[in-house]
Amino acid sequence: MKQQKALTLKTLTKSNVWEVEENDIFRMWETAEKESDFKDNRNHYMDVIRSAFEIEEIKIGKPEVIKKYEARDFKVGNIHFDDNDNKKWGIKKRAINRITDLTYENIHHISAAKLIEVLDRNFGGGWDSLSQSIQDIIESGFDISTTTLPKDRLHKPGGMYDKKVNDGYEVLEITKGLWVEAIFAKAKPKVENHHKHDDDNDSMNNGFGDNYDEDLEDENPSENSYDDDDDDDFDEDKLTEESYRTTFETEEDFNLEAEDVADDDY
């Protein structure tokens, strides 16, 4: 990437630092050492680097010690922090494995597939079980939509599931009794100043992002609820779309609801 090649320690931020790798850090540090203002800025540089990388000083430079660091996926090299200080450092990109690893700075540097992997590793309760702060972080970088349906209805040909997958969304399915919650995620186009949290939240379009399906919005004027007032007007085909963003609190509720549907409408 041209942008990545142009990065230096001076232009490195807590957002774009996620674009570089360990060897890039060693290279940029070596270049920056030659600049007159290096000493004044090196603490700042280190703070930015530490936001995306684990850094450990290797005080014993024996080969067997270095091999242990390399076995832990550290890249080892020299970083001169002081004039007469030539020590080896181990640097490793911070892993994004847990929901709590997600930040406004790194959310734009992972794929939708990686997000689904993180959610799958941590999940159980569904989208609404996430804290609002984590939802906000995720939705600052991804278009998110959910639906909860009986297992035999989720993959109905031509339904919401097929439409989302065909539109490039990654999907995570979470079993909830006789029902399944599907969480769809698609990366938003990258724009400048991603880390301005307030701007991101104000432009969230009620948490669904810019590509929110207008047809779904029209068919579901009341979020998180079904229109159960008129059983005579029940349309089985609308169940797929009208369940958009619908969740249930307990497995018992799923079973009861599934029974109701089975008894009255199927």
C-alpha atoms as a PDB file:
ATOM      1  CA  MET A   1       0.000   0.000   0.000  1.00  0.00           C
ATOM      2  CA  LYS A   2       1.336   3.412  -0.911  1.00  0.00           C
ATOM      3  CA  GLN A   3      -0.096   4.945   2.244  1.00  0.00           C
ATOM      4  CA  GLN A   4       1.647   2.390   4.432  1.00  0.00           C
ATOM      5  CA  LYS A   5       5.039   2.976   2.708  1.00  0.00           C
ATOM      6  CA  ALA A   6       4.729   6.706   3.353  1.00  0.00           C
ATOM      7  CA  LEU A   7       4.169   6.301   7.088  1.00  0.00           C
ATOM      8  CA  THR A   8       6.892   7.517   9.444  1.00  0.00           C
ATOM      9  CA  LEU A   9       7.063   7.795  13.212  1.00  0.00           C
ATOM     10  CA  LYS A  10       6.006  11.441  12.837  1.00  0.00           C
ATOM     11  CA  THR A  11       2.863  10.546  10.898  1.00  0.00           C
ATOM     12  CA  LEU A  12       2.048   7.453  12.948  1.00  0.00           C
ATOM     13  CA  THR A  13      -1.163   7.678  14.995  1.00  0.00           C
ATOM     14  CA  LYS A  14      -3.014   5.275  17.278  1.00  0.00           C
ATOM     15  CA  SER A  15      -5.267   4.496  14.330  1.00  0.00           C
ATOM     16  CA  ASN A  16      -2.914   4.026  11.382  1.00  0.00           C
ATOM     17  CA  VAL A  17      -0.315   2.230  13.524  1.00  0.00           C
ATOM     18  CA  TRP A  18      -2.536  -0.834  13.038  1.00  0.00           C
ATOM     19  CA  GLU A  19      -1.617  -0.750   9.343  1.00  0.00           C
ATOM     20  CA  VAL A  20       2.068  -1.506   9.933  1.00  0.00           C
ATOM     21  CA  GLU A  21       3.938  -4.594  11.087  1.00  0.00           C
ATOM     22  CA  GLU A  22       6.828  -5.238  13.456  1.00  0.00           C
ATOM     23  CA  ASN A  23       9.586  -4.838  10.856  1.00  0.00           C
ATOM     24  CA  ASP A  24       8.080  -1.501   9.814  1.00  0.00           C
ATOM     25  CA  ILE A  25       8.477  -0.236  13.381  1.00  0.00           C
ATOM     26  CA  PHE A  26      12.174  -1.091  13.475  1.00  0.00           C
ATOM     27  CA  ARG A  27      12.693   0.563  10.078  1.00  0.00           C
ATOM     28  CA  MET A  28      10.818   3.736  10.984  1.00  0.00           C
ATOM     29  CA  TRP A  29      12.576   4.003  14.333  1.00  0.00           C
ATOM     30  CA  GLU A  30      16.002   3.740  12.680  1.00  0.00           C
ATOM     31  CA  THR A  31      15.076   6.499  10.218  1.00  0.00           C
ATOM     32  CA  ALA A  32      13.648   8.763  12.922  1.00  0.00           C
ATOM     33  CA  GLU A  33      16.829   8.526  15.020  1.00  0.00           C
ATOM     34  CA  LYS A  34      18.599  10.682  12.433  1.00  0.00           C
ATOM     35  CA  GLU A  35      16.163  13.564  12.865  1.00  0.00           C
ATOM     36  CA  SER A  36      17.009  16.516  15.095  1.00  0.00           C
ATOM     37  CA  ASP A  37      13.784  16.404  17.106  1.00  0.00           C
ATOM     38  CA  PHE A  38      13.930  12.651  17.757  1.00  0.00           C
ATOM     39  CA  LYS A  39      14.830  12.963  21.452  1.00  0.00           C
ATOM     40  CA  ASP A  40      11.957  15.343  22.081  1.00  0.00           C
ATOM     41  CA  ASN A  41       9.402  13.014  20.502  1.00  0.00           C
ATOM     42  CA  ARG A  42      10.594   9.498  21.287  1.00  0.00           C
ATOM     43  CA  ASN A  43       8.325   9.084  24.331  1.00  0.00           C
ATOM     44  CA  HIS A  44       5.366  10.026  22.155  1.00  0.00           C
ATOM     45  CA  TYR A  45       6.479   7.594  19.460  1.00  0.00           C
ATOM     46  CA  MET A  46       6.734   4.807  22.000  1.00  0.00           C
ATOM     47  CA  ASP A  47       3.266   5.582  23.364  1.00  0.00           C
ATOM     48  CA  VAL A  48       1.724   5.351  19.886  1.00  0.00           C
ATOM     49  CA  ILE A  49       3.551   2.111  19.100  1.00  0.00           C
ATOM     50  CA  ARG A  50       2.514   0.519  22.393  1.00  0.00           C
ATOM     51  CA  SER A  51      -1.153   1.133  21.562  1.00  0.00           C
ATOM     52  CA  ALA A  52      -0.929  -1.549  18.855  1.00  0.00           C
ATOM     53  CA  PHE A  53       2.172  -3.557  19.779  1.00  0.00           C
ATOM     54  CA  GLU A  54       3.530  -5.390  22.767  1.00  0.00           C
ATOM     55  CA  ILE A  55       7.088  -4.212  23.454  1.00  0.00           C
ATOM     56  CA  GLU A  56       9.540  -5.967  25.745  1.00  0.00           C
ATOM     57  CA  GLU A  57      13.128  -5.013  26.398  1.00  0.00           C
ATOM     58  CA  ILE A  58      15.460  -7.991  26.059  1.00  0.00           C
ATOM     59  CA  LYS A  59      18.126  -7.456  28.673  1.00  0.00           C
ATOM     60  CA  ILE A  60      19.927 -10.739  27.991  1.00  0.00           C
ATOM     61  CA  GLY A  61      20.843 -11.039  24.326  1.00  0.00           C
ATOM     62  CA  LYS A  62      21.812 -14.701  24.345  1.00  0.00           C
ATOM     63  CA  PRO A  63      20.574 -16.733  21.350  1.00  0.00           C
ATOM     64  CA  GLU A  64      18.541 -19.080  23.524  1.00  0.00           C
ATOM     65  CA  VAL A  65      16.742 -16.126  25.123  1.00  0.00           C
ATOM     66  CA  ILE A  66      15.995 -14.548  21.753  1.00  0.00           C
ATOM     67  CA  LYS A  67      14.627 -17.863  20.464  1.00  0.00           C
ATOM     68  CA  LYS A  68      12.146 -17.898  23.336  1.00  0.00           C
ATOM     69  CA  TYR A  69      10.860 -14.487  22.329  1.00  0.00           C
ATOM     70  CA  GLU A  70      10.638 -15.542  18.679  1.00  0.00           C
ATOM     71  CA  ALA A  71       8.705 -18.639  19.744  1.00  0.00           C
ATOM     72  CA  ARG A  72       6.151 -16.219  21.202  1.00  0.00           C
ATOM     73  CA  ASP A  73       5.908 -14.478  17.792  1.00  0.00           C
ATOM     74  CA  PHE A  74       8.015 -11.474  18.822  1.00  0.00           C
ATOM     75  CA  LYS A  75      10.231  -9.832  16.216  1.00  0.00           C
ATOM     76  CA  VAL A  76      13.587  -8.960  17.771  1.00  0.00           C
ATOM     77  CA  GLY A  77      15.711  -5.955  16.793  1.00  0.00           C
ATOM     78  CA  ASN A  78      17.665  -2.981  18.084  1.00  0.00           C
ATOM     79  CA  ILE A  79      16.004   0.218  19.275  1.00  0.00           C
ATOM     80  CA  HIS A  80      18.237   3.033  20.471  1.00  0.00           C
ATOM     81  CA  PHE A  81      16.248   4.887  23.084  1.00  0.00           C
ATOM     82  CA  ASP A  82      19.202   6.752  24.616  1.00  0.00           C
ATOM     83  CA  ASP A  83      22.457   7.905  23.063  1.00  0.00           C
ATOM     84  CA  ASN A  84      24.545   5.161  24.626  1.00  0.00           C
ATOM     85  CA  ASP A  85      21.772   2.623  24.971  1.00  0.00           C
ATOM     86  CA  ASN A  86      21.865  -0.075  22.299  1.00  0.00           C
ATOM     87  CA  LYS A  87      19.492  -2.762  23.512  1.00  0.00           C
ATOM     88  CA  LYS A  88      17.408  -5.393  21.854  1.00  0.00           C
ATOM     89  CA  TRP A  89      13.638  -5.150  21.913  1.00  0.00           C
ATOM     90  CA  GLY A  90      10.956  -7.680  21.185  1.00  0.00           C
ATOM     91  CA  ILE A  91       7.900  -6.329  19.335  1.00  0.00           C
ATOM     92  CA  LYS A  92       4.636  -8.150  18.597  1.00  0.00           C
ATOM     93  CA  LYS A  93       1.384  -6.880  17.109  1.00  0.00           C
ATOM     94  CA  ARG A  94      -1.404  -7.000  19.672  1.00  0.00           C
ATOM     95  CA  ALA A  95      -3.897  -9.746  18.913  1.00  0.00           C
ATOM     96  CA  ILE A  96      -7.595  -8.995  18.461  1.00  0.00           C
ATOM     97  CA  ASN A  97      -9.205 -12.110  19.883  1.00  0.00           C
ATOM     98  CA  ARG A  98     -11.779 -10.832  22.374  1.00  0.00           C
ATOM     99  CA  ILE A  99     -14.607  -8.347  22.195  1.00  0.00           C
ATOM    100  CA  THR A 100     -12.749  -6.201  24.721  1.00  0.00           C
ATOM    101  CA  ASP A 101      -9.801  -5.983  22.290  1.00  0.00           C
ATOM    102  CA  LEU A 102     -11.936  -3.932  19.891  1.00  0.00           C
ATOM    103  CA  THR A 103     -11.347  -0.172  19.903  1.00  0.00           C
ATOM    104  CA  TYR A 104     -12.285   2.820  17.772  1.00  0.00           C
ATOM    105  CA  GLU A 105      -8.681   2.806  16.531  1.00  0.00           C
ATOM    106  CA  ASN A 106      -8.446  -0.818  15.372  1.00  0.00           C
ATOM    107  CA  ILE A 107     -12.034  -1.545  14.319  1.00  0.00           C
ATOM    108  CA  HIS A 108     -11.330  -0.124  10.846  1.00  0.00           C
ATOM    109  CA  HIS A 109      -8.352  -2.399  10.335  1.00  0.00           C
ATOM    110  CA  ILE A 110     -10.077  -5.775  10.652  1.00  0.00           C
ATOM    111  CA  SER A 111     -12.266  -7.579   8.139  1.00  0.00           C
ATOM    112  CA  ALA A 112     -15.898  -8.551   8.595  1.00  0.00           C
ATOM    113  CA  ALA A 113     -14.771 -12.185   8.706  1.00  0.00           C
ATOM    114  CA  LYS A 114     -12.390 -11.342  11.566  1.00  0.00           C
ATOM    115  CA  LEU A 115     -15.164  -9.514  13.413  1.00  0.00           C
ATOM    116  CA  ILE A 116     -17.454 -12.539  13.094  1.00  0.00           C
ATOM    117  CA  GLU A 117     -14.624 -14.724  14.405  1.00  0.00           C
ATOM    118  CA  VAL A 118     -14.207 -12.468  17.451  1.00  0.00           C
ATOM    119  CA  LEU A 119     -17.950 -12.389  18.100  1.00  0.00           C
ATOM    120  CA  ASP A 120     -18.236 -16.151  17.720  1.00  0.00           C
ATOM    121  CA  ARG A 121     -15.409 -16.708  20.196  1.00  0.00           C
ATOM    122  CA  ASN A 122     -17.069 -14.521  22.820  1.00  0.00           C
ATOM    123  CA  PHE A 123     -20.767 -14.924  22.163  1.00  0.00           C
ATOM    124  CA  GLY A 124     -23.718 -16.677  23.675  1.00  0.00           C
ATOM    125  CA  GLY A 125     -26.343 -14.074  24.426  1.00  0.00           C
ATOM    126  CA  GLY A 126     -26.675 -12.413  21.030  1.00  0.00           C
ATOM    127  CA  TRP A 127     -26.144  -8.875  19.759  1.00  0.00           C
ATOM    128  CA  ASP A 128     -28.167  -7.207  22.506  1.00  0.00           C
ATOM    129  CA  SER A 129     -26.020  -8.892  25.150  1.00  0.00           C
ATOM    130  CA  LEU A 130     -23.116  -6.665  24.108  1.00  0.00           C
ATOM    131  CA  SER A 131     -22.590  -3.447  26.023  1.00  0.00           C
ATOM    132  CA  GLN A 132     -23.651  -0.267  24.264  1.00  0.00           C
ATOM    133  CA  SER A 133     -20.025   0.914  24.145  1.00  0.00           C
ATOM    134  CA  ILE A 134     -18.916  -2.226  22.290  1.00  0.00           C
ATOM    135  CA  GLN A 135     -21.869  -1.973  19.906  1.00  0.00           C
ATOM    136  CA  ASP A 136     -20.910   1.632  19.162  1.00  0.00           C
ATOM    137  CA  ILE A 137     -17.316   0.652  18.434  1.00  0.00           C
ATOM    138  CA  ILE A 138     -18.375  -2.142  16.084  1.00  0.00           C
ATOM    139  CA  GLU A 139     -20.958  -0.006  14.302  1.00  0.00           C
ATOM    140  CA  SER A 140     -18.404   2.753  13.738  1.00  0.00           C
ATOM    141  CA  GLY A 141     -16.650   0.379  11.339  1.00  0.00           C
ATOM    142  CA  PHE A 142     -19.351  -2.031  10.188  1.00  0.00           C
ATOM    143  CA  ASP A 143     -22.938  -2.092   9.012  1.00  0.00           C
ATOM    144  CA  ILE A 144     -24.702  -4.444  11.434  1.00  0.00           C
ATOM    145  CA  SER A 145     -28.168  -5.940  11.163  1.00  0.00           C
ATOM    146  CA  THR A 146     -29.799  -8.867  12.944  1.00  0.00           C
ATOM    147  CA  THR A 147     -32.806 -11.108  12.633  1.00  0.00           C
ATOM    148  CA  THR A 148     -34.192 -13.852  14.880  1.00  0.00           C
ATOM    149  CA  LEU A 149     -36.273 -16.592  13.268  1.00  0.00           C
ATOM    150  CA  PRO A 150     -37.308 -20.220  13.747  1.00  0.00           C
ATOM    151  CA  LYS A 151     -34.533 -22.506  12.509  1.00  0.00           C
ATOM    152  CA  ASP A 152     -36.532 -23.748   9.529  1.00  0.00           C
ATOM    153  CA  ARG A 153     -37.296 -20.206   8.346  1.00  0.00           C
ATOM    154  CA  LEU A 154     -33.886 -18.539   8.555  1.00  0.00           C
ATOM    155  CA  HIS A 155     -32.546 -19.989   5.308  1.00  0.00           C
ATOM    156  CA  LYS A 156     -35.736 -19.563   3.315  1.00  0.00           C
ATOM    157  CA  PRO A 157     -34.703 -19.089  -0.360  1.00  0.00           C
ATOM    158  CA  GLY A 158     -34.804 -15.440  -1.347  1.00  0.00           C
ATOM    159  CA  GLY A 159     -35.191 -14.271   2.255  1.00  0.00           C
ATOM    160  CA  MET A 160     -33.180 -11.793   4.258  1.00  0.00           C
ATOM    161  CA  TYR A 161     -30.368 -14.279   4.878  1.00  0.00           C
ATOM    162  CA  ASP A 162     -29.774 -14.893   1.169  1.00  0.00           C
ATOM    163  CA  LYS A 163     -30.047 -11.195   0.321  1.00  0.00           C
ATOM    164  CA  LYS A 164     -27.492 -10.177   2.946  1.00  0.00           C
ATOM    165  CA  VAL A 165     -24.983 -12.883   2.033  1.00  0.00           C
ATOM    166  CA  ASN A 166     -25.304 -12.043  -1.661  1.00  0.00           C
ATOM    167  CA  ASP A 167     -24.664  -8.402  -0.777  1.00  0.00           C
ATOM    168  CA  GLY A 168     -21.307  -9.296   0.781  1.00  0.00           C
ATOM    169  CA  TYR A 169     -22.264  -9.564   4.458  1.00  0.00           C
ATOM    170  CA  GLU A 170     -20.575 -12.040   6.781  1.00  0.00           C
ATOM    171  CA  VAL A 171     -22.999 -13.790   9.125  1.00  0.00           C
ATOM    172  CA  LEU A 172     -22.887 -15.351  12.576  1.00  0.00           C
ATOM    173  CA  GLU A 173     -25.711 -17.677  13.639  1.00  0.00           C
ATOM    174  CA  ILE A 174     -26.504 -18.068  17.335  1.00  0.00           C
ATOM    175  CA  THR A 175     -28.892 -20.838  18.367  1.00  0.00           C
ATOM    176  CA  LYS A 176     -31.523 -19.819  20.906  1.00  0.00           C
ATOM    177  CA  GLY A 177     -33.716 -22.771  21.651  1.00  0.00           C
ATOM    178  CA  LEU A 178     -35.916 -23.378  18.610  1.00  0.00           C
ATOM    179  CA  TRP A 179     -34.886 -20.026  17.148  1.00  0.00           C
ATOM    180  CA  VAL A 180     -31.686 -18.689  15.595  1.00  0.00           C
ATOM    181  CA  GLU A 181     -30.338 -15.162  15.772  1.00  0.00           C
ATOM    182  CA  ALA A 182     -28.354 -14.169  12.681  1.00  0.00           C
ATOM    183  CA  ILE A 183     -25.932 -11.237  12.948  1.00  0.00           C
ATOM    184  CA  PHE A 184     -24.859  -9.731   9.622  1.00  0.00           C
ATOM    185  CA  ALA A 185     -21.716  -7.592   9.312  1.00  0.00           C
ATOM    186  CA  LYS A 186     -20.210  -5.669   6.412  1.00  0.00           C
ATOM    187  CA  ALA A 187     -17.295  -3.237   6.597  1.00  0.00           C
ATOM    188  CA  LYS A 188     -18.129   0.406   5.978  1.00  0.00           C
ATOM    189  CA  PRO A 189     -16.029   2.346   3.459  1.00  0.00           C
ATOM    190  CA  LYS A 190     -13.024   3.923   5.150  1.00  0.00           C
ATOM    191  CA  VAL A 191     -13.207   7.667   5.702  1.00  0.00           C
ATOM    192  CA  GLU A 192     -10.931  10.146   7.404  1.00  0.00           C
ATOM    193  CA  ASN A 193     -11.001  10.808  11.166  1.00  0.00           C
ATOM    194  CA  HIS A 194     -12.531   7.478  12.146  1.00  0.00           C
ATOM    195  CA  HIS A 195     -11.437   8.007  15.708  1.00  0.00           C
ATOM    196  CA  LYS A 196     -13.747  10.979  16.270  1.00  0.00           C
ATOM    197  CA  HIS A 197     -16.249   9.031  18.330  1.00  0.00           C
ATOM    198  CA  ASP A 198     -18.953  11.645  18.585  1.00  0.00           C
ATOM    199  CA  ASP A 199     -19.029  12.193  14.832  1.00  0.00           C
ATOM    200  CA  ASP A 200     -19.308   8.458  14.238  1.00  0.00           C
ATOM    201  CA  ASN A 201     -22.174   8.019  16.678  1.00  0.00           C
ATOM    202  CA  ASP A 202     -24.124  10.987  15.313  1.00  0.00           C
ATOM    203  CA  SER A 203     -24.001   9.566  11.787  1.00  0.00           C
ATOM    204  CA  MET A 204     -24.902   6.014  12.771  1.00  0.00           C
ATOM    205  CA  ASN A 205     -28.450   6.031  11.293  1.00  0.00           C
ATOM    206  CA  ASN A 206     -29.932   4.437  14.405  1.00  0.00           C
ATOM    207  CA  GLY A 207     -27.116   1.919  14.627  1.00  0.00           C
ATOM    208  CA  PHE A 208     -27.602   0.293  11.225  1.00  0.00           C
ATOM    209  CA  GLY A 209     -25.139   2.360   9.153  1.00  0.00           C
ATOM    210  CA  ASP A 210     -25.513   4.030   5.759  1.00  0.00           C
ATOM    211  CA  ASN A 211     -26.514   0.863   3.891  1.00  0.00           C
ATOM    212  CA  TYR A 212     -29.548   0.084   5.991  1.00  0.00           C
ATOM    213  CA  ASP A 213     -32.149  -1.728   3.914  1.00  0.00           C
ATOM    214  CA  GLU A 214     -34.945   0.754   3.225  1.00  0.00           C
ATOM    215  CA  ASP A 215     -37.355  -2.045   2.361  1.00  0.00           C
ATOM    216  CA  LEU A 216     -36.821  -3.601   5.777  1.00  0.00           C
ATOM    217  CA  GLU A 217     -37.303  -0.222   7.420  1.00  0.00           C
ATOM    218  CA  ASP A 218     -40.605   0.292   5.631  1.00  0.00           C
ATOM    219  CA  GLU A 219     -41.885  -3.139   6.565  1.00  0.00           C
ATOM    220  CA  ASN A 220     -40.851  -2.839  10.210  1.00  0.00           C
ATOM    221  CA  PRO A 221     -41.914   0.575  11.545  1.00  0.00           C
ATOM    222  CA  SER A 222     -41.746  -0.619  15.162  1.00  0.00           C
ATOM    223  CA  GLU A 223     -38.323  -2.009  15.987  1.00  0.00           C
ATOM    224  CA  ASN A 224     -37.978  -5.075  18.222  1.00  0.00           C
ATOM    225  CA  SER A 225     -41.664  -6.043  18.042  1.00  0.00           C
ATOM    226  CA  TYR A 226     -44.159  -7.985  15.961  1.00  0.00           C
ATOM    227  CA  ASP A 227     -47.564  -6.621  14.979  1.00  0.00           C
ATOM    228  CA  ASP A 228     -49.715  -9.207  16.727  1.00  0.00           C
ATOM    229  CA  ASP A 229     -52.922  -7.143  17.002  1.00  0.00           C
ATOM    230  CA  ASP A 230     -54.563  -8.567  13.876  1.00  0.00           C
ATOM    231  CA  ASP A 231     -54.094 -12.319  13.427  1.00  0.00           C
ATOM    232  CA  ASP A 232     -56.259 -12.302  10.285  1.00  0.00           C
ATOM    233  CA  ASP A 233     -53.680 -10.173   8.489  1.00  0.00           C
ATOM    234  CA  PHE A 234     -50.754 -12.431   9.359  1.00  0.00           C
ATOM    235  CA  ASP A 235     -48.494 -12.975   6.363  1.00  0.00           C
ATOM    236  CA  GLU A 236     -46.107 -15.879   6.780  1.00  0.00           C
ATOM    237  CA  ASP A 237     -43.644 -14.388   4.306  1.00  0.00           C
ATOM    238  CA  LYS A 238     -43.298 -11.259   6.399  1.00  0.00           C
ATOM    239  CA  LEU A 239     -41.918 -13.197   9.339  1.00  0.00           C
ATOM    240  CA  THR A 240     -38.451 -13.156   7.841  1.00  0.00           C
ATOM    241  CA  GLU A 241     -38.356  -9.399   7.391  1.00  0.00           C
ATOM    242  CA  GLU A 242     -40.478  -8.239  10.308  1.00  0.00           C
ATOM    243  CA  SER A 243     -38.357 -10.094  12.818  1.00  0.00           C
ATOM    244  CA  TYR A 244     -35.494  -7.754  11.992  1.00  0.00           C
ATOM    245  CA  ARG A 245     -33.636  -6.720  15.177  1.00  0.00           C
ATOM    246  CA  THR A 246     -35.941  -8.891  17.300  1.00  0.00           C
ATOM    247  CA  THR A 247     -34.470 -10.699  20.288  1.00  0.00           C
ATOM    248  CA  PHE A 248     -35.837 -12.738  23.169  1.00  0.00           C
ATOM    249  CA  GLU A 249     -34.576 -12.857  26.721  1.00  0.00           C
ATOM    250  CA  THR A 250     -34.789 -16.547  27.658  1.00  0.00           C
ATOM    251  CA  GLU A 251     -34.854 -19.905  25.977  1.00  0.00           C
ATOM    252  CA  GLU A 252     -38.278 -20.530  27.501  1.00  0.00           C
ATOM    253  CA  ASP A 253     -39.614 -17.531  25.581  1.00  0.00           C
ATOM    254  CA  PHE A 254     -38.274 -18.955  22.335  1.00  0.00           C
ATOM    255  CA  ASN A 255     -40.025 -22.257  22.890  1.00  0.00           C
ATOM    256  CA  LEU A 256     -43.350 -20.611  23.739  1.00  0.00           C
ATOM    257  CA  GLU A 257     -43.159 -18.305  20.765  1.00  0.00           C
ATOM    258  CA  ALA A 258     -42.235 -21.136  18.469  1.00  0.00           C
ATOM    259  CA  GLU A 259     -45.180 -23.174  19.761  1.00  0.00           C
ATOM    260  CA  ASP A 260     -47.526 -20.247  19.171  1.00  0.00           C
ATOM    261  CA  VAL A 261     -46.365 -19.897  15.620  1.00  0.00           C
ATOM    262  CA  ALA A 262     -46.625 -23.600  15.023  1.00  0.00           C
ATOM    263  CA  ASP A 263     -50.141 -23.876  16.494  1.00  0.00           C
ATOM    264  CA  ASP A 264     -51.710 -20.792  14.966  1.00  0.00           C
ATOM    265  CA  ASP A 265     -49.981 -20.050  11.715  1.00  0.00           C
ATOM    266  CA  TYR A 266     -48.182 -23.024  10.231  1.00  0.00           C
END
